[in-house]
Amino acid sequence: MRKGRAKARTERLAGVGLFTRCSAAELGRADELLFEVPVEAGRTLVHEGDDWAAFAVIVDGRAVSSGQGFGPVTLGPGACFGETALFDGGTEPATVVAATPMTLLVAGRWEFRELMKIPGVALAVLLSLVAQLRSARAGVDAMKAATRPGGRLDELVLDDVATGRVGVEGIAAVLTPAAASA
């Protein structure tokens, strides 16, 4: 019975996006290190700035992540979070909230270090981080393009002022951090 249950868990793990490139042996080892956690919708899983010491992979359900001026981003099956703080020892860069009931696979700090010794898992986490970096870079590039003189933001602001939808004072308060804090 134990082997059958282990095989079923390993097969389920193989279907989770983050682990699709792993060998059977790698899946077996990863399965030993991960704990399944059910989560109800609406639960905040982690807050930006927390000393979060866990790695989580979404098996099913959806969450919304936002932080450091980015987001919201919807995370679905196969997505992970918590790895950034575990890699660099810093705080969690995002707030993650369960948008639907979810099932997570969770690893603490020690288990995460052991997971990173599994080549297929380490590569998958690295690729996930690269995708996040590329997405953030694209967002920054889009923001730069929108805010450059003559960019899309200028066009929207001028249109809103010309039509009276917003006054110049309101725009200054939004675009100038000092004005917002005064």
N, C-alpha and C. Protein backbone atom coordinates (compact mmCIF):
# COMPACT_ATOMS: atom_id res chain seq x y z
N MET A 1 0.83 -1.21 0.00
CA MET A 1 0.00 0.00 0.00
C MET A 1 0.87 1.26 0.00
N ARG A 2 1.93 1.24 0.77
CA ARG A 2 2.80 2.40 0.87
C ARG A 2 3.42 2.75 -0.48
N LYS A 3 3.88 1.73 -1.22
CA LYS A 3 4.48 1.98 -2.54
C LYS A 3 3.45 2.54 -3.51
N GLY A 4 2.24 2.05 -3.46
CA GLY A 4 1.17 2.53 -4.34
C GLY A 4 0.85 3.99 -4.07
N ARG A 5 0.79 4.36 -2.78
CA ARG A 5 0.51 5.75 -2.42
C ARG A 5 1.67 6.66 -2.83
N ALA A 6 2.90 6.19 -2.62
CA ALA A 6 4.07 6.97 -3.02
C ALA A 6 4.10 7.16 -4.53
N LYS A 7 3.75 6.11 -5.28
CA LYS A 7 3.74 6.21 -6.73
C LYS A 7 2.68 7.21 -7.19
N ALA A 8 1.52 7.19 -6.56
CA ALA A 8 0.45 8.13 -6.91
C ALA A 8 0.88 9.57 -6.64
N ARG A 9 1.53 9.80 -5.50
CA ARG A 9 2.00 11.15 -5.18
C ARG A 9 3.07 11.61 -6.17
N THR A 10 3.97 10.71 -6.53
CA THR A 10 5.03 11.04 -7.48
C THR A 10 4.43 11.34 -8.85
N GLU A 11 3.43 10.56 -9.27
CA GLU A 11 2.77 10.82 -10.55
C GLU A 11 2.06 12.18 -10.53
N ARG A 12 1.44 12.50 -9.40
CA ARG A 12 0.77 13.80 -9.28
C ARG A 12 1.80 14.92 -9.36
N LEU A 13 2.92 14.74 -8.69
CA LEU A 13 4.00 15.71 -8.71
C LEU A 13 4.51 15.93 -10.13
N ALA A 14 4.61 14.85 -10.89
CA ALA A 14 5.08 14.94 -12.29
C ALA A 14 4.16 15.81 -13.13
N GLY A 15 2.90 15.92 -12.75
CA GLY A 15 1.93 16.73 -13.49
C GLY A 15 1.95 18.20 -13.11
N VAL A 16 2.71 18.55 -12.07
CA VAL A 16 2.81 19.95 -11.64
C VAL A 16 3.91 20.60 -12.47
N GLY A 17 3.57 21.69 -13.15
CA GLY A 17 4.46 22.34 -14.10
C GLY A 17 5.91 22.47 -13.70
N LEU A 18 6.17 22.83 -12.46
CA LEU A 18 7.54 23.03 -12.02
C LEU A 18 8.36 21.75 -12.10
N PHE A 19 7.71 20.60 -12.01
CA PHE A 19 8.43 19.33 -11.92
C PHE A 19 8.38 18.49 -13.19
N THR A 20 7.85 19.02 -14.27
CA THR A 20 7.65 18.21 -15.48
C THR A 20 8.96 17.72 -16.11
N ARG A 21 10.07 18.39 -15.85
CA ARG A 21 11.35 17.97 -16.43
C ARG A 21 12.13 17.01 -15.53
N CYS A 22 11.59 16.68 -14.38
CA CYS A 22 12.30 15.84 -13.41
C CYS A 22 12.19 14.36 -13.76
N SER A 23 13.25 13.62 -13.45
CA SER A 23 13.23 12.17 -13.61
C SER A 23 12.40 11.55 -12.49
N ALA A 24 12.09 10.27 -12.62
CA ALA A 24 11.33 9.56 -11.59
C ALA A 24 12.07 9.60 -10.25
N ALA A 25 13.38 9.42 -10.29
CA ALA A 25 14.17 9.46 -9.05
C ALA A 25 14.12 10.85 -8.42
N GLU A 26 14.21 11.89 -9.25
CA GLU A 26 14.15 13.27 -8.74
C GLU A 26 12.78 13.56 -8.14
N LEU A 27 11.74 13.07 -8.79
CA LEU A 27 10.38 13.26 -8.27
C LEU A 27 10.21 12.57 -6.92
N GLY A 28 10.76 11.37 -6.81
CA GLY A 28 10.67 10.63 -5.56
C GLY A 28 11.35 11.39 -4.42
N ARG A 29 12.53 11.92 -4.68
CA ARG A 29 13.25 12.69 -3.66
C ARG A 29 12.49 13.97 -3.32
N ALA A 30 12.00 14.68 -4.32
CA ALA A 30 11.25 15.92 -4.08
C ALA A 30 10.00 15.63 -3.26
N ASP A 31 9.33 14.54 -3.56
CA ASP A 31 8.12 14.17 -2.83
C ASP A 31 8.40 13.99 -1.34
N GLU A 32 9.57 13.47 -1.01
CA GLU A 32 9.95 13.27 0.40
C GLU A 32 10.13 14.60 1.13
N LEU A 33 10.41 15.66 0.41
CA LEU A 33 10.74 16.95 1.01
C LEU A 33 9.58 17.94 1.05
N LEU A 34 8.50 17.65 0.35
CA LEU A 34 7.38 18.58 0.23
C LEU A 34 6.18 18.13 1.06
N PHE A 35 5.50 19.09 1.65
CA PHE A 35 4.31 18.83 2.44
C PHE A 35 3.11 19.44 1.74
N GLU A 36 2.03 18.68 1.64
CA GLU A 36 0.83 19.18 0.98
C GLU A 36 0.00 19.99 1.97
N VAL A 37 -0.41 21.19 1.54
CA VAL A 37 -1.14 22.09 2.42
C VAL A 37 -2.37 22.62 1.68
N PRO A 38 -3.58 22.35 2.19
CA PRO A 38 -4.78 22.94 1.59
C PRO A 38 -4.94 24.39 2.09
N VAL A 39 -5.44 25.26 1.22
CA VAL A 39 -5.59 26.68 1.56
C VAL A 39 -6.97 27.14 1.09
N GLU A 40 -7.67 27.88 1.96
CA GLU A 40 -8.98 28.40 1.58
C GLU A 40 -8.83 29.72 0.81
N ALA A 41 -9.79 30.02 -0.03
CA ALA A 41 -9.78 31.26 -0.81
C ALA A 41 -9.77 32.47 0.12
N GLY A 42 -9.06 33.50 -0.28
CA GLY A 42 -9.02 34.73 0.49
C GLY A 42 -7.91 34.79 1.52
N ARG A 43 -7.26 33.69 1.78
CA ARG A 43 -6.20 33.66 2.80
C ARG A 43 -4.93 34.33 2.25
N THR A 44 -4.37 35.23 3.04
CA THR A 44 -3.08 35.81 2.68
C THR A 44 -2.00 34.82 3.07
N LEU A 45 -1.23 34.40 2.08
CA LEU A 45 -0.22 33.38 2.31
C LEU A 45 1.08 33.98 2.81
N VAL A 46 1.42 35.15 2.30
CA VAL A 46 2.62 35.86 2.74
C VAL A 46 2.45 37.33 2.41
N HIS A 47 3.02 38.17 3.26
CA HIS A 47 3.00 39.62 3.04
C HIS A 47 4.35 40.10 2.56
N GLU A 48 4.34 41.06 1.65
CA GLU A 48 5.58 41.69 1.22
C GLU A 48 6.32 42.20 2.45
N GLY A 49 7.61 41.92 2.54
CA GLY A 49 8.42 42.36 3.67
C GLY A 49 8.50 41.36 4.81
N ASP A 50 7.70 40.29 4.76
CA ASP A 50 7.76 39.25 5.80
C ASP A 50 9.08 38.50 5.77
N ASP A 51 9.47 37.99 6.90
CA ASP A 51 10.59 37.06 6.98
C ASP A 51 10.05 35.66 6.70
N TRP A 52 9.67 35.45 5.48
CA TRP A 52 9.05 34.21 5.02
C TRP A 52 10.14 33.17 4.84
N ALA A 53 9.97 32.01 5.41
CA ALA A 53 11.02 30.99 5.35
C ALA A 53 10.49 29.69 4.76
N ALA A 54 9.72 29.81 3.67
CA ALA A 54 9.18 28.62 3.04
C ALA A 54 9.10 28.83 1.53
N PHE A 55 9.09 27.71 0.84
CA PHE A 55 8.96 27.66 -0.62
C PHE A 55 7.64 26.96 -0.89
N ALA A 56 6.83 27.50 -1.75
CA ALA A 56 5.54 26.89 -2.05
C ALA A 56 5.34 26.76 -3.56
N VAL A 57 4.77 25.64 -3.96
CA VAL A 57 4.43 25.38 -5.35
C VAL A 57 2.92 25.16 -5.39
N ILE A 58 2.26 25.81 -6.33
CA ILE A 58 0.81 25.66 -6.46
C ILE A 58 0.52 24.39 -7.24
N VAL A 59 -0.25 23.49 -6.62
CA VAL A 59 -0.67 22.26 -7.29
C VAL A 59 -1.97 22.52 -8.03
N ASP A 60 -2.93 23.12 -7.34
CA ASP A 60 -4.18 23.51 -7.99
C ASP A 60 -4.71 24.77 -7.31
N GLY A 61 -5.53 25.49 -8.04
CA GLY A 61 -6.05 26.75 -7.55
C GLY A 61 -5.25 27.92 -8.10
N ARG A 62 -5.63 29.12 -7.67
CA ARG A 62 -4.98 30.33 -8.16
C ARG A 62 -4.72 31.28 -6.99
N ALA A 63 -3.65 32.05 -7.13
CA ALA A 63 -3.31 33.08 -6.16
C ALA A 63 -2.99 34.36 -6.92
N VAL A 64 -3.01 35.47 -6.21
CA VAL A 64 -2.65 36.76 -6.80
C VAL A 64 -1.44 37.28 -6.03
N SER A 65 -0.42 37.66 -6.78
CA SER A 65 0.83 38.17 -6.21
C SER A 65 1.00 39.62 -6.62
N SER A 66 1.41 40.46 -5.66
CA SER A 66 1.71 41.85 -5.98
C SER A 66 2.74 42.35 -4.98
N GLY A 67 3.58 43.25 -5.44
CA GLY A 67 4.57 43.82 -4.55
C GLY A 67 5.63 44.58 -5.30
N GLN A 68 6.35 45.42 -4.58
CA GLN A 68 7.43 46.23 -5.12
C GLN A 68 6.98 47.02 -6.35
N GLY A 69 5.74 47.47 -6.32
CA GLY A 69 5.23 48.27 -7.43
C GLY A 69 4.75 47.48 -8.62
N PHE A 70 4.80 46.16 -8.56
CA PHE A 70 4.36 45.31 -9.66
C PHE A 70 3.10 44.56 -9.25
N GLY A 71 2.35 44.16 -10.26
CA GLY A 71 1.21 43.31 -9.99
C GLY A 71 -0.07 44.06 -10.25
N PRO A 72 -1.16 43.42 -10.03
CA PRO A 72 -1.25 42.04 -9.56
C PRO A 72 -0.95 41.04 -10.68
N VAL A 73 -0.37 39.92 -10.29
CA VAL A 73 -0.06 38.84 -11.21
C VAL A 73 -0.77 37.59 -10.70
N THR A 74 -1.49 36.91 -11.58
CA THR A 74 -2.17 35.67 -11.19
C THR A 74 -1.20 34.51 -11.32
N LEU A 75 -1.12 33.72 -10.25
CA LEU A 75 -0.28 32.52 -10.22
C LEU A 75 -1.20 31.31 -10.25
N GLY A 76 -0.86 30.34 -11.08
CA GLY A 76 -1.67 29.13 -11.19
C GLY A 76 -0.84 27.89 -10.96
N PRO A 77 -1.41 26.74 -11.26
CA PRO A 77 -0.71 25.48 -11.03
C PRO A 77 0.68 25.46 -11.67
N GLY A 78 1.64 25.04 -10.87
CA GLY A 78 3.03 24.97 -11.32
C GLY A 78 3.84 26.19 -10.93
N ALA A 79 3.18 27.29 -10.60
CA ALA A 79 3.91 28.49 -10.18
C ALA A 79 4.41 28.31 -8.75
N CYS A 80 5.47 29.03 -8.44
CA CYS A 80 6.02 28.92 -7.10
C CYS A 80 6.26 30.31 -6.52
N PHE A 81 6.40 30.37 -5.20
CA PHE A 81 6.75 31.61 -4.53
C PHE A 81 7.50 31.27 -3.24
N GLY A 82 8.21 32.26 -2.74
CA GLY A 82 9.01 32.07 -1.52
C GLY A 82 10.47 31.80 -1.78
N GLU A 83 10.81 31.44 -3.02
CA GLU A 83 12.20 31.06 -3.32
C GLU A 83 13.16 32.25 -3.21
N THR A 84 12.71 33.44 -3.55
CA THR A 84 13.60 34.60 -3.54
C THR A 84 14.16 34.84 -2.15
N ALA A 85 13.30 34.88 -1.16
CA ALA A 85 13.75 35.12 0.22
C ALA A 85 14.62 33.99 0.72
N LEU A 86 14.35 32.77 0.29
CA LEU A 86 15.18 31.64 0.73
C LEU A 86 16.56 31.67 0.08
N PHE A 87 16.63 32.13 -1.16
CA PHE A 87 17.92 32.21 -1.83
C PHE A 87 18.82 33.27 -1.21
N ASP A 88 18.26 34.46 -0.98
CA ASP A 88 19.14 35.55 -0.54
C ASP A 88 19.01 35.90 0.94
N GLY A 89 18.14 35.23 1.66
CA GLY A 89 18.00 35.49 3.09
C GLY A 89 17.27 36.79 3.40
N GLY A 90 16.75 37.43 2.38
CA GLY A 90 16.03 38.69 2.58
C GLY A 90 14.57 38.44 2.91
N THR A 91 13.81 39.51 2.84
CA THR A 91 12.37 39.40 3.11
C THR A 91 11.63 39.06 1.83
N GLU A 92 10.39 38.67 1.98
CA GLU A 92 9.57 38.29 0.84
C GLU A 92 9.25 39.54 0.00
N PRO A 93 9.48 39.48 -1.32
CA PRO A 93 9.27 40.66 -2.16
C PRO A 93 7.82 40.88 -2.59
N ALA A 94 6.91 40.00 -2.23
CA ALA A 94 5.53 40.13 -2.72
C ALA A 94 4.53 39.66 -1.68
N THR A 95 3.32 40.17 -1.81
CA THR A 95 2.19 39.65 -1.04
C THR A 95 1.47 38.66 -1.94
N VAL A 96 1.15 37.50 -1.41
CA VAL A 96 0.46 36.46 -2.18
C VAL A 96 -0.82 36.09 -1.44
N VAL A 97 -1.95 36.18 -2.15
CA VAL A 97 -3.26 35.90 -1.58
C VAL A 97 -3.95 34.82 -2.41
N ALA A 98 -4.52 33.82 -1.75
CA ALA A 98 -5.25 32.76 -2.46
C ALA A 98 -6.52 33.35 -3.07
N ALA A 99 -6.64 33.26 -4.38
CA ALA A 99 -7.83 33.76 -5.07
C ALA A 99 -8.93 32.71 -5.10
N THR A 100 -8.54 31.45 -5.03
CA THR A 100 -9.48 30.32 -5.03
C THR A 100 -8.99 29.33 -3.97
N PRO A 101 -9.79 28.33 -3.64
CA PRO A 101 -9.23 27.27 -2.80
C PRO A 101 -8.03 26.68 -3.54
N MET A 102 -6.99 26.33 -2.78
CA MET A 102 -5.74 25.89 -3.39
C MET A 102 -5.18 24.68 -2.66
N THR A 103 -4.29 24.01 -3.36
CA THR A 103 -3.42 23.01 -2.74
C THR A 103 -2.00 23.42 -3.05
N LEU A 104 -1.20 23.51 -2.00
CA LEU A 104 0.20 23.88 -2.15
C LEU A 104 1.09 22.72 -1.75
N LEU A 105 2.28 22.67 -2.32
CA LEU A 105 3.35 21.81 -1.84
C LEU A 105 4.36 22.77 -1.22
N VAL A 106 4.68 22.56 0.05
CA VAL A 106 5.49 23.51 0.79
C VAL A 106 6.74 22.85 1.34
N ALA A 107 7.84 23.60 1.29
CA ALA A 107 9.11 23.16 1.86
C ALA A 107 9.66 24.28 2.74
N GLY A 108 10.14 23.92 3.91
CA GLY A 108 10.81 24.88 4.78
C GLY A 108 12.22 25.17 4.28
N ARG A 109 12.95 25.96 5.04
CA ARG A 109 14.30 26.36 4.65
C ARG A 109 15.22 25.17 4.39
N TRP A 110 15.26 24.22 5.32
CA TRP A 110 16.14 23.06 5.15
C TRP A 110 15.71 22.22 3.95
N GLU A 111 14.41 21.96 3.83
CA GLU A 111 13.90 21.17 2.71
C GLU A 111 14.17 21.85 1.37
N PHE A 112 14.06 23.18 1.36
CA PHE A 112 14.34 23.93 0.14
C PHE A 112 15.80 23.73 -0.29
N ARG A 113 16.71 23.81 0.68
CA ARG A 113 18.12 23.59 0.35
C ARG A 113 18.33 22.19 -0.23
N GLU A 114 17.64 21.21 0.32
CA GLU A 114 17.75 19.84 -0.20
C GLU A 114 17.13 19.74 -1.60
N LEU A 115 16.02 20.43 -1.82
CA LEU A 115 15.40 20.45 -3.15
C LEU A 115 16.36 21.03 -4.19
N MET A 116 17.12 22.05 -3.80
CA MET A 116 18.03 22.69 -4.74
C MET A 116 19.22 21.79 -5.10
N LYS A 117 19.38 20.69 -4.40
CA LYS A 117 20.41 19.70 -4.73
C LYS A 117 19.93 18.71 -5.79
N ILE A 118 18.64 18.78 -6.13
CA ILE A 118 18.04 17.92 -7.15
C ILE A 118 18.12 18.69 -8.47
N PRO A 119 18.95 18.23 -9.43
CA PRO A 119 19.18 19.01 -10.65
C PRO A 119 17.92 19.47 -11.38
N GLY A 120 16.96 18.59 -11.58
CA GLY A 120 15.74 18.97 -12.31
C GLY A 120 14.94 20.03 -11.58
N VAL A 121 14.88 19.96 -10.26
CA VAL A 121 14.14 20.95 -9.47
C VAL A 121 14.90 22.28 -9.48
N ALA A 122 16.21 22.22 -9.27
CA ALA A 122 17.01 23.45 -9.26
C ALA A 122 16.88 24.19 -10.60
N LEU A 123 16.94 23.45 -11.70
CA LEU A 123 16.79 24.07 -13.02
C LEU A 123 15.41 24.70 -13.17
N ALA A 124 14.37 24.01 -12.73
CA ALA A 124 13.01 24.53 -12.85
C ALA A 124 12.84 25.81 -12.04
N VAL A 125 13.38 25.85 -10.83
CA VAL A 125 13.27 27.05 -9.99
C VAL A 125 14.06 28.19 -10.63
N LEU A 126 15.23 27.89 -11.15
CA LEU A 126 16.03 28.90 -11.84
C LEU A 126 15.28 29.47 -13.04
N LEU A 127 14.67 28.60 -13.84
CA LEU A 127 13.91 29.06 -15.00
C LEU A 127 12.71 29.91 -14.57
N SER A 128 12.10 29.56 -13.45
CA SER A 128 10.99 30.35 -12.92
C SER A 128 11.47 31.75 -12.54
N LEU A 129 12.62 31.82 -11.89
CA LEU A 129 13.19 33.12 -11.51
C LEU A 129 13.54 33.96 -12.74
N VAL A 130 14.08 33.31 -13.76
CA VAL A 130 14.41 34.02 -15.00
C VAL A 130 13.14 34.58 -15.64
N ALA A 131 12.07 33.78 -15.66
CA ALA A 131 10.80 34.26 -16.22
C ALA A 131 10.28 35.46 -15.44
N GLN A 132 10.40 35.43 -14.10
CA GLN A 132 9.96 36.56 -13.29
C GLN A 132 10.80 37.80 -13.59
N LEU A 133 12.10 37.61 -13.74
CA LEU A 133 12.99 38.72 -14.04
C LEU A 133 12.66 39.34 -15.40
N ARG A 134 12.43 38.48 -16.39
CA ARG A 134 12.08 38.98 -17.73
C ARG A 134 10.75 39.74 -17.69
N SER A 135 9.79 39.23 -16.94
CA SER A 135 8.49 39.89 -16.83
C SER A 135 8.63 41.25 -16.15
N ALA A 136 9.43 41.30 -15.09
CA ALA A 136 9.65 42.57 -14.40
C ALA A 136 10.36 43.55 -15.32
N ARG A 137 11.32 43.06 -16.06
CA ARG A 137 12.07 43.92 -17.00
C ARG A 137 11.13 44.48 -18.07
N ALA A 138 10.24 43.64 -18.58
CA ALA A 138 9.28 44.10 -19.59
C ALA A 138 8.37 45.17 -19.01
N GLY A 139 7.96 45.00 -17.74
CA GLY A 139 7.13 45.99 -17.08
C GLY A 139 7.84 47.32 -16.91
N VAL A 140 9.11 47.26 -16.52
CA VAL A 140 9.90 48.48 -16.37
C VAL A 140 10.08 49.16 -17.73
N ASP A 141 10.38 48.38 -18.76
CA ASP A 141 10.55 48.95 -20.10
C ASP A 141 9.26 49.60 -20.58
N ALA A 142 8.12 48.97 -20.32
CA ALA A 142 6.83 49.54 -20.72
C ALA A 142 6.56 50.83 -19.97
N MET A 143 6.91 50.85 -18.68
CA MET A 143 6.71 52.06 -17.88
C MET A 143 7.60 53.19 -18.40
N LYS A 144 8.84 52.88 -18.73
CA LYS A 144 9.74 53.90 -19.27
C LYS A 144 9.19 54.46 -20.58
N ALA A 145 8.69 53.58 -21.44
CA ALA A 145 8.15 54.02 -22.73
C ALA A 145 6.91 54.89 -22.51
N ALA A 146 6.09 54.53 -21.55
CA ALA A 146 4.85 55.28 -21.30
C ALA A 146 5.13 56.64 -20.70
N THR A 147 6.20 56.77 -19.92
CA THR A 147 6.44 58.03 -19.22
C THR A 147 7.45 58.94 -19.90
N ARG A 148 8.07 58.48 -20.98
CA ARG A 148 9.02 59.36 -21.69
C ARG A 148 8.23 60.49 -22.35
N PRO A 149 8.87 61.61 -22.57
CA PRO A 149 8.18 62.72 -23.23
C PRO A 149 7.55 62.25 -24.55
N GLY A 150 6.29 62.54 -24.70
CA GLY A 150 5.58 62.13 -25.90
C GLY A 150 5.08 60.70 -25.83
N GLY A 151 5.33 60.01 -24.71
CA GLY A 151 4.90 58.63 -24.56
C GLY A 151 3.41 58.52 -24.28
N ARG A 152 2.94 57.31 -24.14
CA ARG A 152 1.50 57.05 -23.97
C ARG A 152 0.92 57.76 -22.74
N LEU A 153 1.66 57.80 -21.64
CA LEU A 153 1.17 58.46 -20.44
C LEU A 153 0.94 59.95 -20.70
N ASP A 154 1.88 60.59 -21.40
CA ASP A 154 1.71 62.00 -21.75
C ASP A 154 0.43 62.21 -22.54
N GLU A 155 0.17 61.32 -23.51
CA GLU A 155 -1.04 61.45 -24.33
C GLU A 155 -2.29 61.32 -23.47
N LEU A 156 -2.30 60.37 -22.54
CA LEU A 156 -3.47 60.18 -21.67
C LEU A 156 -3.68 61.38 -20.76
N VAL A 157 -2.60 61.87 -20.17
CA VAL A 157 -2.70 63.02 -19.26
C VAL A 157 -3.21 64.24 -20.01
N LEU A 158 -2.64 64.53 -21.16
CA LEU A 158 -3.08 65.69 -21.93
C LEU A 158 -4.54 65.57 -22.33
N ASP A 159 -4.96 64.37 -22.72
CA ASP A 159 -6.36 64.14 -23.08
C ASP A 159 -7.27 64.36 -21.89
N ASP A 160 -6.88 63.85 -20.72
CA ASP A 160 -7.71 64.01 -19.52
C ASP A 160 -7.81 65.46 -19.09
N VAL A 161 -6.71 66.21 -19.20
CA VAL A 161 -6.73 67.63 -18.84
C VAL A 161 -7.59 68.40 -19.85
N ALA A 162 -7.41 68.11 -21.13
CA ALA A 162 -8.15 68.82 -22.18
C ALA A 162 -9.65 68.58 -22.06
N THR A 163 -10.06 67.41 -21.67
CA THR A 163 -11.49 67.11 -21.56
C THR A 163 -12.06 67.44 -20.19
N GLY A 164 -11.19 67.87 -19.26
CA GLY A 164 -11.67 68.24 -17.94
C GLY A 164 -11.91 67.05 -17.01
N ARG A 165 -11.52 65.84 -17.43
CA ARG A 165 -11.74 64.67 -16.57
C ARG A 165 -10.86 64.72 -15.32
N VAL A 166 -9.74 65.41 -15.41
CA VAL A 166 -8.85 65.53 -14.27
C VAL A 166 -8.12 66.85 -14.37
N GLY A 167 -7.88 67.46 -13.22
CA GLY A 167 -7.18 68.74 -13.21
C GLY A 167 -5.68 68.55 -13.12
N VAL A 168 -4.95 69.58 -13.43
CA VAL A 168 -3.50 69.55 -13.38
C VAL A 168 -3.02 69.22 -11.96
N GLU A 169 -3.71 69.73 -10.94
CA GLU A 169 -3.31 69.48 -9.56
C GLU A 169 -3.38 67.98 -9.24
N GLY A 170 -4.43 67.33 -9.72
CA GLY A 170 -4.58 65.89 -9.48
C GLY A 170 -3.47 65.09 -10.13
N ILE A 171 -3.08 65.48 -11.33
CA ILE A 171 -1.99 64.79 -12.03
C ILE A 171 -0.69 65.00 -11.28
N ALA A 172 -0.43 66.22 -10.82
CA ALA A 172 0.81 66.50 -10.09
C ALA A 172 0.87 65.66 -8.82
N ALA A 173 -0.25 65.50 -8.14
CA ALA A 173 -0.27 64.71 -6.90
C ALA A 173 0.04 63.25 -7.17
N VAL A 174 -0.41 62.74 -8.29
CA VAL A 174 -0.16 61.34 -8.64
C VAL A 174 1.27 61.13 -9.10
N LEU A 175 1.78 62.03 -9.93
CA LEU A 175 3.08 61.84 -10.53
C LEU A 175 4.24 62.32 -9.67
N THR A 176 3.99 63.12 -8.64
CA THR A 176 5.07 63.66 -7.81
C THR A 176 4.96 63.06 -6.42
N PRO A 177 5.90 62.17 -6.02
CA PRO A 177 5.84 61.56 -4.69
C PRO A 177 5.81 62.58 -3.56
N ALA A 178 6.55 63.68 -3.70
CA ALA A 178 6.57 64.70 -2.64
C ALA A 178 5.20 65.32 -2.45
N ALA A 179 4.49 65.53 -3.55
CA ALA A 179 3.16 66.13 -3.46
C ALA A 179 2.18 65.20 -2.77
N ALA A 180 2.35 63.92 -2.98
CA ALA A 180 1.45 62.95 -2.37
C ALA A 180 1.64 62.85 -0.88
N SER A 181 2.88 63.08 -0.39
CA SER A 181 3.14 62.93 1.04
C SER A 181 2.93 64.24 1.80
N ALA A 182 2.74 65.36 1.08
CA ALA A 182 2.57 66.65 1.73
C ALA A 182 1.19 66.81 2.31
